[in-house]
Amino acid sequence: MNEIVLGDVTVSRVEEMHGPVGMTPEQFFPGSPDRHWDEQRPMLVPDHLDPADNIVQVAMQTWALRSEGRIILVDTGIGNDKTRPAVEAWDHLDLGYLTNLAAAGIAPEDVNLVINTHLHVDHVGWNTRLVDGQWVPTFPNATYLMPRADYEHWNPDDNPNIMGGVNENVFEDSVAPVYAAGQVQLWDTEYVVDANLTLRAAPGHTPGSSVLVLASGSDKALFAGDLVHTPLQIAHPEHNSCFCEDPAAARATRLRLLGWAADHTALVLPAHFSGHSALEIVRDASAFAIKNWAPLPAY
């Protein structure tokens, strides 16, 4: 039931975890007025906003694609056993992600390609796992595609002032070991994955943020990464999350890509939407509205 078919590509949703993110709307989306949340409340509650404590709800999930005979993972969540001092709820997790991956018919050895849409803590965690005290690539036969701009941004050798913050330890335990294993391929503006899939730069949230565009048969889709974190940003794309590093660029990129999705009837598959997780949108004046949700069961 966690599977949809888009043209020649089969897409499976693999959950790591879902639930409250520990932040109110104002904390997560600074400057977003209460009235915008109140207006959208019927759509947001309960999957995307907890009515009891007014805490934003999100999912950590991987989109697993089968395309042209290969298995491709889009983003890898938070990971187990990682030291995350900035986010207590993500510190030394012990979750059944690999079991959920197996339920989708995928063993780590089966994966051919891992796409990290960007290198934030909650998108690279399962790049590696702890084996005999060492961080090793979780997917030993995969090439890991990483945006060069993000790799250089968080590499302490290139940017010694980047230490600390929400990404503390992330480069060291989830990026560097894969690079050292010779499994990383860095890319810049665009990268053609295959005849169905193309990676495109979408900067703003981070310097190297990207999206994966699917065009197969009559179907189109946008694997949107952190372009949006909540459905509120569909109706109000002017609102950035507190994690957007270049607010102006993030806002412009969001408007451009949501516009593309609306104009091309493309399914939008964000990294963190709970509920049914994926949706079609239409233009609504200067913003957008939800046309319908994907036929995936709600978390």
C-alpha atoms as a PDB file:
ATOM      1  CA  MET A   1       0.000   0.000   0.000  1.00  0.00           C
ATOM      2  CA  ASN A   2       3.024   2.293   0.332  1.00  0.00           C
ATOM      3  CA  GLU A   3       3.664   2.146  -3.418  1.00  0.00           C
ATOM      4  CA  ILE A   4       2.630   4.138  -6.462  1.00  0.00           C
ATOM      5  CA  VAL A   5       3.580   3.837 -10.133  1.00  0.00           C
ATOM      6  CA  LEU A   6       4.567   6.896 -12.180  1.00  0.00           C
ATOM      7  CA  GLY A   7       5.171   6.014 -15.808  1.00  0.00           C
ATOM      8  CA  ASP A   8       7.917   3.396 -15.846  1.00  0.00           C
ATOM      9  CA  VAL A   9       9.008   4.185 -12.283  1.00  0.00           C
ATOM     10  CA  THR A  10       7.726   2.440  -9.165  1.00  0.00           C
ATOM     11  CA  VAL A  11       7.896   4.588  -6.026  1.00  0.00           C
ATOM     12  CA  SER A  12       7.810   3.164  -2.496  1.00  0.00           C
ATOM     13  CA  ARG A  13       7.541   5.212   0.692  1.00  0.00           C
ATOM     14  CA  VAL A  14       9.867   3.936   3.423  1.00  0.00           C
ATOM     15  CA  GLU A  15       9.283   5.414   6.875  1.00  0.00           C
ATOM     16  CA  GLU A  16      11.943   6.073   9.441  1.00  0.00           C
ATOM     17  CA  MET A  17       9.682   7.852  11.950  1.00  0.00           C
ATOM     18  CA  HIS A  18       6.848  10.363  12.139  1.00  0.00           C
ATOM     19  CA  GLY A  19       5.261  12.570  14.763  1.00  0.00           C
ATOM     20  CA  PRO A  20       5.835  15.881  16.548  1.00  0.00           C
ATOM     21  CA  VAL A  21       8.982  17.752  15.568  1.00  0.00           C
ATOM     22  CA  GLY A  22       9.144  19.589  18.901  1.00  0.00           C
ATOM     23  CA  MET A  23       8.496  23.084  17.535  1.00  0.00           C
ATOM     24  CA  THR A  24       5.468  25.334  17.342  1.00  0.00           C
ATOM     25  CA  PRO A  25       4.573  26.955  14.014  1.00  0.00           C
ATOM     26  CA  GLU A  26       6.212  30.214  15.087  1.00  0.00           C
ATOM     27  CA  GLN A  27       9.419  28.433  16.053  1.00  0.00           C
ATOM     28  CA  PHE A  28       9.597  26.328  12.896  1.00  0.00           C
ATOM     29  CA  PHE A  29       8.430  29.077  10.532  1.00  0.00           C
ATOM     30  CA  PRO A  30       9.453  32.408  12.085  1.00  0.00           C
ATOM     31  CA  GLY A  31       7.247  35.302  11.119  1.00  0.00           C
ATOM     32  CA  SER A  32       4.346  33.177   9.897  1.00  0.00           C
ATOM     33  CA  PRO A  33       1.230  34.785  11.419  1.00  0.00           C
ATOM     34  CA  ASP A  34      -1.197  32.787  13.529  1.00  0.00           C
ATOM     35  CA  ARG A  35      -4.040  33.689  11.174  1.00  0.00           C
ATOM     36  CA  HIS A  36      -2.419  31.775   8.327  1.00  0.00           C
ATOM     37  CA  TRP A  37      -2.259  28.655  10.488  1.00  0.00           C
ATOM     38  CA  ASP A  38      -5.825  29.223  11.690  1.00  0.00           C
ATOM     39  CA  GLU A  39      -7.089  29.566   8.116  1.00  0.00           C
ATOM     40  CA  GLN A  40      -5.434  26.301   7.094  1.00  0.00           C
ATOM     41  CA  ARG A  41      -6.191  24.440  10.326  1.00  0.00           C
ATOM     42  CA  PRO A  42      -8.885  22.129   8.855  1.00  0.00           C
ATOM     43  CA  MET A  43      -6.326  20.855   6.357  1.00  0.00           C
ATOM     44  CA  LEU A  44      -3.376  20.706   8.771  1.00  0.00           C
ATOM     45  CA  VAL A  45      -4.981  18.930  11.735  1.00  0.00           C
ATOM     46  CA  PRO A  46      -4.166  16.238  12.775  1.00  0.00           C
ATOM     47  CA  ASP A  47      -1.575  14.952  10.292  1.00  0.00           C
ATOM     48  CA  HIS A  48       0.540  18.104  10.091  1.00  0.00           C
ATOM     49  CA  LEU A  49      -0.318  19.983  13.291  1.00  0.00           C
ATOM     50  CA  ASP A  50      -1.139  18.520  16.693  1.00  0.00           C
ATOM     51  CA  PRO A  51      -4.252  20.358  17.945  1.00  0.00           C
ATOM     52  CA  ALA A  52      -3.536  19.531  21.581  1.00  0.00           C
ATOM     53  CA  ASP A  53      -0.172  21.264  21.937  1.00  0.00           C
ATOM     54  CA  ASN A  54       0.122  23.198  18.645  1.00  0.00           C
ATOM     55  CA  ILE A  55       3.273  21.316  17.619  1.00  0.00           C
ATOM     56  CA  VAL A  56       4.154  20.763  13.959  1.00  0.00           C
ATOM     57  CA  GLN A  57       4.015  17.128  12.836  1.00  0.00           C
ATOM     58  CA  VAL A  58       6.441  15.746  10.254  1.00  0.00           C
ATOM     59  CA  ALA A  59       7.700  12.463   8.839  1.00  0.00           C
ATOM     60  CA  MET A  60      11.221  11.209   8.215  1.00  0.00           C
ATOM     61  CA  GLN A  61      11.046   9.027   5.147  1.00  0.00           C
ATOM     62  CA  THR A  62      12.851   7.790   2.062  1.00  0.00           C
ATOM     63  CA  TRP A  63      11.398   7.636  -1.406  1.00  0.00           C
ATOM     64  CA  ALA A  64      12.641   4.372  -2.933  1.00  0.00           C
ATOM     65  CA  LEU A  65      12.488   4.285  -6.720  1.00  0.00           C
ATOM     66  CA  ARG A  66      12.795   1.402  -9.159  1.00  0.00           C
ATOM     67  CA  SER A  67      13.801   2.841 -12.525  1.00  0.00           C
ATOM     68  CA  GLU A  68      15.512   1.236 -15.501  1.00  0.00           C
ATOM     69  CA  GLY A  69      16.436  -1.840 -13.488  1.00  0.00           C
ATOM     70  CA  ARG A  70      18.047   0.081 -10.625  1.00  0.00           C
ATOM     71  CA  ILE A  71      16.985   0.809  -7.046  1.00  0.00           C
ATOM     72  CA  ILE A  72      17.405   4.464  -6.085  1.00  0.00           C
ATOM     73  CA  LEU A  73      16.904   5.947  -2.608  1.00  0.00           C
ATOM     74  CA  VAL A  74      16.027   9.626  -2.217  1.00  0.00           C
ATOM     75  CA  ASP A  75      17.256  10.873   1.204  1.00  0.00           C
ATOM     76  CA  THR A  76      18.148   8.622   4.121  1.00  0.00           C
ATOM     77  CA  GLY A  77      16.717  10.161   7.284  1.00  0.00           C
ATOM     78  CA  ILE A  78      18.424  10.592  10.652  1.00  0.00           C
ATOM     79  CA  GLY A  79      20.086   7.212  11.236  1.00  0.00           C
ATOM     80  CA  ASN A  80      20.739   5.030  14.267  1.00  0.00           C
ATOM     81  CA  ASP A  81      23.424   5.408  16.933  1.00  0.00           C
ATOM     82  CA  LYS A  82      24.369   8.955  15.882  1.00  0.00           C
ATOM     83  CA  THR A  83      25.478  11.544  18.420  1.00  0.00           C
ATOM     84  CA  ARG A  84      23.208  14.559  17.891  1.00  0.00           C
ATOM     85  CA  PRO A  85      23.729  17.063  20.730  1.00  0.00           C
ATOM     86  CA  ALA A  86      21.645  19.779  19.053  1.00  0.00           C
ATOM     87  CA  VAL A  87      18.502  17.618  18.763  1.00  0.00           C
ATOM     88  CA  GLU A  88      17.970  15.444  21.820  1.00  0.00           C
ATOM     89  CA  ALA A  89      15.096  13.523  20.209  1.00  0.00           C
ATOM     90  CA  TRP A  90      17.434  12.358  17.416  1.00  0.00           C
ATOM     91  CA  ASP A  91      20.356  11.400  19.651  1.00  0.00           C
ATOM     92  CA  HIS A  92      21.384   7.728  19.521  1.00  0.00           C
ATOM     93  CA  LEU A  93      18.218   6.497  17.849  1.00  0.00           C
ATOM     94  CA  ASP A  94      17.389   2.815  17.555  1.00  0.00           C
ATOM     95  CA  LEU A  95      14.757   2.598  14.833  1.00  0.00           C
ATOM     96  CA  GLY A  96      13.618  -0.115  12.436  1.00  0.00           C
ATOM     97  CA  TYR A  97      14.396   1.711   9.214  1.00  0.00           C
ATOM     98  CA  LEU A  98      16.187  -1.233   7.609  1.00  0.00           C
ATOM     99  CA  THR A  99      13.260  -3.477   8.528  1.00  0.00           C
ATOM    100  CA  ASN A 100      10.916  -1.041   6.802  1.00  0.00           C
ATOM    101  CA  LEU A 101      13.227  -1.001   3.798  1.00  0.00           C
ATOM    102  CA  ALA A 102      13.111  -4.803   3.739  1.00  0.00           C
ATOM    103  CA  ALA A 103       9.302  -4.641   3.807  1.00  0.00           C
ATOM    104  CA  ALA A 104       9.573  -2.710   0.528  1.00  0.00           C
ATOM    105  CA  GLY A 105      11.603  -5.615  -0.852  1.00  0.00           C
ATOM    106  CA  ILE A 106      14.962  -3.857  -0.595  1.00  0.00           C
ATOM    107  CA  ALA A 107      18.113  -5.083   1.143  1.00  0.00           C
ATOM    108  CA  PRO A 108      21.018  -2.653   1.614  1.00  0.00           C
ATOM    109  CA  GLU A 109      23.062  -4.602  -0.944  1.00  0.00           C
ATOM    110  CA  ASP A 110      20.326  -4.118  -3.566  1.00  0.00           C
ATOM    111  CA  VAL A 111      20.611  -0.331  -3.660  1.00  0.00           C
ATOM    112  CA  ASN A 112      22.377   1.062  -6.722  1.00  0.00           C
ATOM    113  CA  LEU A 113      22.087   4.794  -6.088  1.00  0.00           C
ATOM    114  CA  VAL A 114      21.543   7.031  -3.056  1.00  0.00           C
ATOM    115  CA  ILE A 115      20.491  10.630  -3.665  1.00  0.00           C
ATOM    116  CA  ASN A 116      20.996  13.108  -0.825  1.00  0.00           C
ATOM    117  CA  THR A 117      18.934  16.115  -1.907  1.00  0.00           C
ATOM    118  CA  HIS A 118      21.050  18.116   0.541  1.00  0.00           C
ATOM    119  CA  LEU A 119      23.317  17.323   3.471  1.00  0.00           C
ATOM    120  CA  HIS A 120      21.249  18.290   6.495  1.00  0.00           C
ATOM    121  CA  VAL A 121      21.243  15.933   9.477  1.00  0.00           C
ATOM    122  CA  ASP A 122      17.843  14.397   8.645  1.00  0.00           C
ATOM    123  CA  HIS A 123      18.674  13.559   5.020  1.00  0.00           C
ATOM    124  CA  VAL A 124      21.944  11.655   5.316  1.00  0.00           C
ATOM    125  CA  GLY A 125      21.725   9.615   8.522  1.00  0.00           C
ATOM    126  CA  TRP A 126      21.350   6.169   6.996  1.00  0.00           C
ATOM    127  CA  ASN A 127      24.184   6.838   4.577  1.00  0.00           C
ATOM    128  CA  THR A 128      26.213   4.954   7.190  1.00  0.00           C
ATOM    129  CA  ARG A 129      25.710   2.517  10.027  1.00  0.00           C
ATOM    130  CA  LEU A 130      27.845   1.567  12.994  1.00  0.00           C
ATOM    131  CA  VAL A 131      29.726  -1.726  12.593  1.00  0.00           C
ATOM    132  CA  ASP A 132      32.331  -2.761  15.193  1.00  0.00           C
ATOM    133  CA  GLY A 133      32.695   0.834  16.302  1.00  0.00           C
ATOM    134  CA  GLN A 134      33.241   2.184  12.776  1.00  0.00           C
ATOM    135  CA  TRP A 135      30.924   4.132  10.469  1.00  0.00           C
ATOM    136  CA  VAL A 136      30.594   2.204   7.216  1.00  0.00           C
ATOM    137  CA  PRO A 137      28.382   2.812   4.164  1.00  0.00           C
ATOM    138  CA  THR A 138      24.967   1.250   4.746  1.00  0.00           C
ATOM    139  CA  PHE A 139      24.583   0.585   1.027  1.00  0.00           C
ATOM    140  CA  PRO A 140      27.872  -1.036  -0.021  1.00  0.00           C
ATOM    141  CA  ASN A 141      27.092  -1.299  -3.736  1.00  0.00           C
ATOM    142  CA  ALA A 142      25.621   2.166  -4.194  1.00  0.00           C
ATOM    143  CA  THR A 143      26.933   5.396  -5.637  1.00  0.00           C
ATOM    144  CA  TYR A 144      25.965   8.313  -3.404  1.00  0.00           C
ATOM    145  CA  LEU A 145      25.064  11.493  -5.290  1.00  0.00           C
ATOM    146  CA  MET A 146      25.746  14.618  -3.217  1.00  0.00           C
ATOM    147  CA  PRO A 147      25.529  18.287  -4.251  1.00  0.00           C
ATOM    148  CA  ARG A 148      29.044  19.692  -4.460  1.00  0.00           C
ATOM    149  CA  ALA A 149      27.945  23.021  -2.928  1.00  0.00           C
ATOM    150  CA  ASP A 150      26.696  21.298   0.223  1.00  0.00           C
ATOM    151  CA  TYR A 151      29.689  18.978   0.431  1.00  0.00           C
ATOM    152  CA  GLU A 152      32.041  21.964   0.400  1.00  0.00           C
ATOM    153  CA  HIS A 153      29.810  23.985   2.729  1.00  0.00           C
ATOM    154  CA  TRP A 154      29.894  21.349   5.504  1.00  0.00           C
ATOM    155  CA  ASN A 155      33.348  19.968   4.936  1.00  0.00           C
ATOM    156  CA  PRO A 156      35.397  21.290   7.891  1.00  0.00           C
ATOM    157  CA  ASP A 157      38.528  21.095   5.735  1.00  0.00           C
ATOM    158  CA  ASP A 158      36.988  23.659   3.367  1.00  0.00           C
ATOM    159  CA  ASN A 159      34.959  25.604   5.919  1.00  0.00           C
ATOM    160  CA  PRO A 160      36.525  25.367   9.411  1.00  0.00           C
ATOM    161  CA  ASN A 161      33.903  27.709  10.914  1.00  0.00           C
ATOM    162  CA  ILE A 162      31.010  25.361  10.130  1.00  0.00           C
ATOM    163  CA  MET A 163      31.336  23.181  13.246  1.00  0.00           C
ATOM    164  CA  GLY A 164      28.436  22.919  15.698  1.00  0.00           C
ATOM    165  CA  GLY A 165      24.746  23.652  15.228  1.00  0.00           C
ATOM    166  CA  VAL A 166      22.101  21.193  14.077  1.00  0.00           C
ATOM    167  CA  ASN A 167      24.594  19.505  11.732  1.00  0.00           C
ATOM    168  CA  GLU A 168      27.185  18.820  14.416  1.00  0.00           C
ATOM    169  CA  ASN A 169      29.009  15.511  13.761  1.00  0.00           C
ATOM    170  CA  VAL A 170      26.999  14.905  10.564  1.00  0.00           C
ATOM    171  CA  PHE A 171      29.805  15.347   8.052  1.00  0.00           C
ATOM    172  CA  GLU A 172      32.119  13.197  10.134  1.00  0.00           C
ATOM    173  CA  ASP A 173      29.758  10.234  10.664  1.00  0.00           C
ATOM    174  CA  SER A 174      27.421  10.307   7.652  1.00  0.00           C
ATOM    175  CA  VAL A 175      29.306  11.929   4.761  1.00  0.00           C
ATOM    176  CA  ALA A 176      33.081  11.537   5.149  1.00  0.00           C
ATOM    177  CA  PRO A 177      33.023   7.733   5.599  1.00  0.00           C
ATOM    178  CA  VAL A 178      31.148   7.281   2.324  1.00  0.00           C
ATOM    179  CA  TYR A 179      33.532   9.635   0.539  1.00  0.00           C
ATOM    180  CA  ALA A 180      36.511   7.765   1.983  1.00  0.00           C
ATOM    181  CA  ALA A 181      35.020   4.506   0.662  1.00  0.00           C
ATOM    182  CA  GLY A 182      35.066   5.964  -2.852  1.00  0.00           C
ATOM    183  CA  GLN A 183      31.284   5.843  -3.213  1.00  0.00           C
ATOM    184  CA  VAL A 184      30.490   9.583  -3.506  1.00  0.00           C
ATOM    185  CA  GLN A 185      29.882  11.379  -6.775  1.00  0.00           C
ATOM    186  CA  LEU A 186      29.589  15.157  -6.479  1.00  0.00           C
ATOM    187  CA  TRP A 187      27.498  17.103  -8.960  1.00  0.00           C
ATOM    188  CA  ASP A 188      26.688  20.741  -9.689  1.00  0.00           C
ATOM    189  CA  THR A 189      23.813  22.372 -11.598  1.00  0.00           C
ATOM    190  CA  GLU A 190      22.152  19.306 -13.125  1.00  0.00           C
ATOM    191  CA  TYR A 191      22.679  15.553 -13.167  1.00  0.00           C
ATOM    192  CA  VAL A 192      20.824  13.152 -15.450  1.00  0.00           C
ATOM    193  CA  VAL A 193      20.174   9.967 -13.477  1.00  0.00           C
ATOM    194  CA  ASP A 194      18.463   8.091 -16.319  1.00  0.00           C
ATOM    195  CA  ALA A 195      15.830   8.633 -19.003  1.00  0.00           C
ATOM    196  CA  ASN A 196      13.160   9.106 -16.307  1.00  0.00           C
ATOM    197  CA  LEU A 197      14.986  11.101 -13.633  1.00  0.00           C
ATOM    198  CA  THR A 198      17.005  14.321 -13.477  1.00  0.00           C
ATOM    199  CA  LEU A 199      18.536  16.062 -10.468  1.00  0.00           C
ATOM    200  CA  ARG A 200      18.378  19.854 -10.513  1.00  0.00           C
ATOM    201  CA  ALA A 201      19.854  22.464  -8.202  1.00  0.00           C
ATOM    202  CA  ALA A 202      17.315  24.234  -5.972  1.00  0.00           C
ATOM    203  CA  PRO A 203      19.427  26.477  -3.709  1.00  0.00           C
ATOM    204  CA  GLY A 204      18.209  28.481  -0.751  1.00  0.00           C
ATOM    205  CA  HIS A 205      17.362  26.016   1.981  1.00  0.00           C
ATOM    206  CA  THR A 206      21.047  25.092   1.799  1.00  0.00           C
ATOM    207  CA  PRO A 207      23.631  26.162  -0.785  1.00  0.00           C
ATOM    208  CA  GLY A 208      23.362  22.822  -2.574  1.00  0.00           C
ATOM    209  CA  SER A 209      19.715  21.928  -2.040  1.00  0.00           C
ATOM    210  CA  SER A 210      18.268  20.014  -4.970  1.00  0.00           C
ATOM    211  CA  VAL A 211      15.143  18.354  -6.300  1.00  0.00           C
ATOM    212  CA  LEU A 212      14.665  15.219  -8.371  1.00  0.00           C
ATOM    213  CA  VAL A 213      12.387  15.623 -11.386  1.00  0.00           C
ATOM    214  CA  LEU A 214      10.585  12.590 -12.812  1.00  0.00           C
ATOM    215  CA  ALA A 215       9.216  12.605 -16.348  1.00  0.00           C
ATOM    216  CA  SER A 216       8.091   9.183 -17.560  1.00  0.00           C
ATOM    217  CA  GLY A 217       5.339   8.605 -20.080  1.00  0.00           C
ATOM    218  CA  SER A 218       2.559  11.042 -19.284  1.00  0.00           C
ATOM    219  CA  ASP A 219       3.524  11.267 -15.600  1.00  0.00           C
ATOM    220  CA  LYS A 220       5.612  13.943 -13.937  1.00  0.00           C
ATOM    221  CA  ALA A 221       6.728  14.288 -10.332  1.00  0.00           C
ATOM    222  CA  LEU A 222       8.879  16.504  -8.148  1.00  0.00           C
ATOM    223  CA  PHE A 223      10.792  14.878  -5.299  1.00  0.00           C
ATOM    224  CA  ALA A 224      11.000  18.137  -3.431  1.00  0.00           C
ATOM    225  CA  GLY A 225      13.390  17.517  -0.529  1.00  0.00           C
ATOM    226  CA  ASP A 226      13.019  20.436   1.883  1.00  0.00           C
ATOM    227  CA  LEU A 227      11.470  22.829  -0.609  1.00  0.00           C
ATOM    228  CA  VAL A 228       8.467  22.643   1.741  1.00  0.00           C
ATOM    229  CA  HIS A 229       8.114  21.200   5.256  1.00  0.00           C
ATOM    230  CA  THR A 230       4.383  21.695   5.808  1.00  0.00           C
ATOM    231  CA  PRO A 231       1.297  22.017   3.598  1.00  0.00           C
ATOM    232  CA  LEU A 232       0.923  25.557   4.938  1.00  0.00           C
ATOM    233  CA  GLN A 233       3.734  26.501   2.531  1.00  0.00           C
ATOM    234  CA  ILE A 234       1.561  25.455  -0.405  1.00  0.00           C
ATOM    235  CA  ALA A 235      -0.982  28.153   0.438  1.00  0.00           C
ATOM    236  CA  HIS A 236       1.730  30.505   1.762  1.00  0.00           C
ATOM    237  CA  PRO A 237       4.985  29.825  -0.102  1.00  0.00           C
ATOM    238  CA  GLU A 238       6.410  33.068   1.263  1.00  0.00           C
ATOM    239  CA  HIS A 239       7.089  31.382   4.620  1.00  0.00           C
ATOM    240  CA  ASN A 240      10.519  29.798   5.122  1.00  0.00           C
ATOM    241  CA  SER A 241      11.524  27.327   7.779  1.00  0.00           C
ATOM    242  CA  CYS A 242      14.016  28.382  10.419  1.00  0.00           C
ATOM    243  CA  PHE A 243      16.544  26.109   8.714  1.00  0.00           C
ATOM    244  CA  CYS A 244      16.581  27.957   5.376  1.00  0.00           C
ATOM    245  CA  GLU A 245      20.066  29.434   5.082  1.00  0.00           C
ATOM    246  CA  ASP A 246      19.325  31.954   2.318  1.00  0.00           C
ATOM    247  CA  PRO A 247      15.729  33.081   2.918  1.00  0.00           C
ATOM    248  CA  ALA A 248      15.353  35.100  -0.282  1.00  0.00           C
ATOM    249  CA  ALA A 249      16.721  32.328  -2.470  1.00  0.00           C
ATOM    250  CA  ALA A 250      14.659  29.684  -0.655  1.00  0.00           C
ATOM    251  CA  ARG A 251      11.476  31.693  -1.229  1.00  0.00           C
ATOM    252  CA  ALA A 252      12.224  32.283  -4.909  1.00  0.00           C
ATOM    253  CA  THR A 253      13.119  28.624  -5.502  1.00  0.00           C
ATOM    254  CA  ARG A 254       9.945  27.467  -3.760  1.00  0.00           C
ATOM    255  CA  LEU A 255       7.735  29.708  -5.891  1.00  0.00           C
ATOM    256  CA  ARG A 256       9.471  28.652  -9.109  1.00  0.00           C
ATOM    257  CA  LEU A 257       9.338  24.912  -8.492  1.00  0.00           C
ATOM    258  CA  LEU A 258       5.822  24.811  -7.045  1.00  0.00           C
ATOM    259  CA  GLY A 259       4.784  26.785 -10.112  1.00  0.00           C
ATOM    260  CA  TRP A 260       6.395  24.182 -12.344  1.00  0.00           C
ATOM    261  CA  ALA A 261       4.603  21.382 -10.486  1.00  0.00           C
ATOM    262  CA  ALA A 262       1.232  23.118 -10.762  1.00  0.00           C
ATOM    263  CA  ASP A 263       1.687  23.918 -14.458  1.00  0.00           C
ATOM    264  CA  HIS A 264       2.767  20.359 -15.329  1.00  0.00           C
ATOM    265  CA  THR A 265       0.305  18.458 -13.083  1.00  0.00           C
ATOM    266  CA  ALA A 266       3.325  16.953 -11.349  1.00  0.00           C
ATOM    267  CA  LEU A 267       2.970  14.983  -8.139  1.00  0.00           C
ATOM    268  CA  VAL A 268       4.933  16.705  -5.352  1.00  0.00           C
ATOM    269  CA  LEU A 269       6.728  14.350  -2.957  1.00  0.00           C
ATOM    270  CA  PRO A 270       8.353  16.348  -0.116  1.00  0.00           C
ATOM    271  CA  ALA A 271      10.783  14.769   2.295  1.00  0.00           C
ATOM    272  CA  HIS A 272       8.796  15.458   5.450  1.00  0.00           C
ATOM    273  CA  PHE A 273       5.062  15.541   4.840  1.00  0.00           C
ATOM    274  CA  SER A 274       3.200  13.233   7.186  1.00  0.00           C
ATOM    275  CA  GLY A 275      -0.328  12.057   6.420  1.00  0.00           C
ATOM    276  CA  HIS A 276      -0.571  10.914   2.801  1.00  0.00           C
ATOM    277  CA  SER A 277       2.883  12.423   2.141  1.00  0.00           C
ATOM    278  CA  ALA A 278       2.509  13.402  -1.547  1.00  0.00           C
ATOM    279  CA  LEU A 279       0.105  15.719  -3.363  1.00  0.00           C
ATOM    280  CA  GLU A 280      -0.942  17.475  -6.534  1.00  0.00           C
ATOM    281  CA  ILE A 281      -1.287  21.259  -6.464  1.00  0.00           C
ATOM    282  CA  VAL A 282      -2.888  23.972  -8.580  1.00  0.00           C
ATOM    283  CA  ARG A 283      -2.274  27.685  -8.851  1.00  0.00           C
ATOM    284  CA  ASP A 284      -4.419  29.869  -6.585  1.00  0.00           C
ATOM    285  CA  ALA A 285      -3.893  33.588  -7.257  1.00  0.00           C
ATOM    286  CA  SER A 286      -0.262  34.279  -6.292  1.00  0.00           C
ATOM    287  CA  ALA A 287       0.057  31.019  -4.337  1.00  0.00           C
ATOM    288  CA  PHE A 288      -1.130  27.431  -4.642  1.00  0.00           C
ATOM    289  CA  ALA A 289      -3.785  25.071  -3.360  1.00  0.00           C
ATOM    290  CA  ILE A 290      -3.949  21.331  -2.824  1.00  0.00           C
ATOM    291  CA  LYS A 291      -5.826  19.569  -5.621  1.00  0.00           C
ATOM    292  CA  ASN A 292      -5.624  16.089  -4.114  1.00  0.00           C
ATOM    293  CA  TRP A 293      -3.414  13.782  -2.090  1.00  0.00           C
ATOM    294  CA  ALA A 294      -1.613  10.739  -3.433  1.00  0.00           C
ATOM    295  CA  PRO A 295      -3.253   7.330  -2.887  1.00  0.00           C
ATOM    296  CA  LEU A 296      -0.866   6.460  -0.069  1.00  0.00           C
ATOM    297  CA  PRO A 297      -2.206   5.538   3.386  1.00  0.00           C
ATOM    298  CA  ALA A 298      -1.908   8.271   5.989  1.00  0.00           C
ATOM    299  CA  TYR A 299       0.638   7.710   8.738  1.00  0.00           C
END
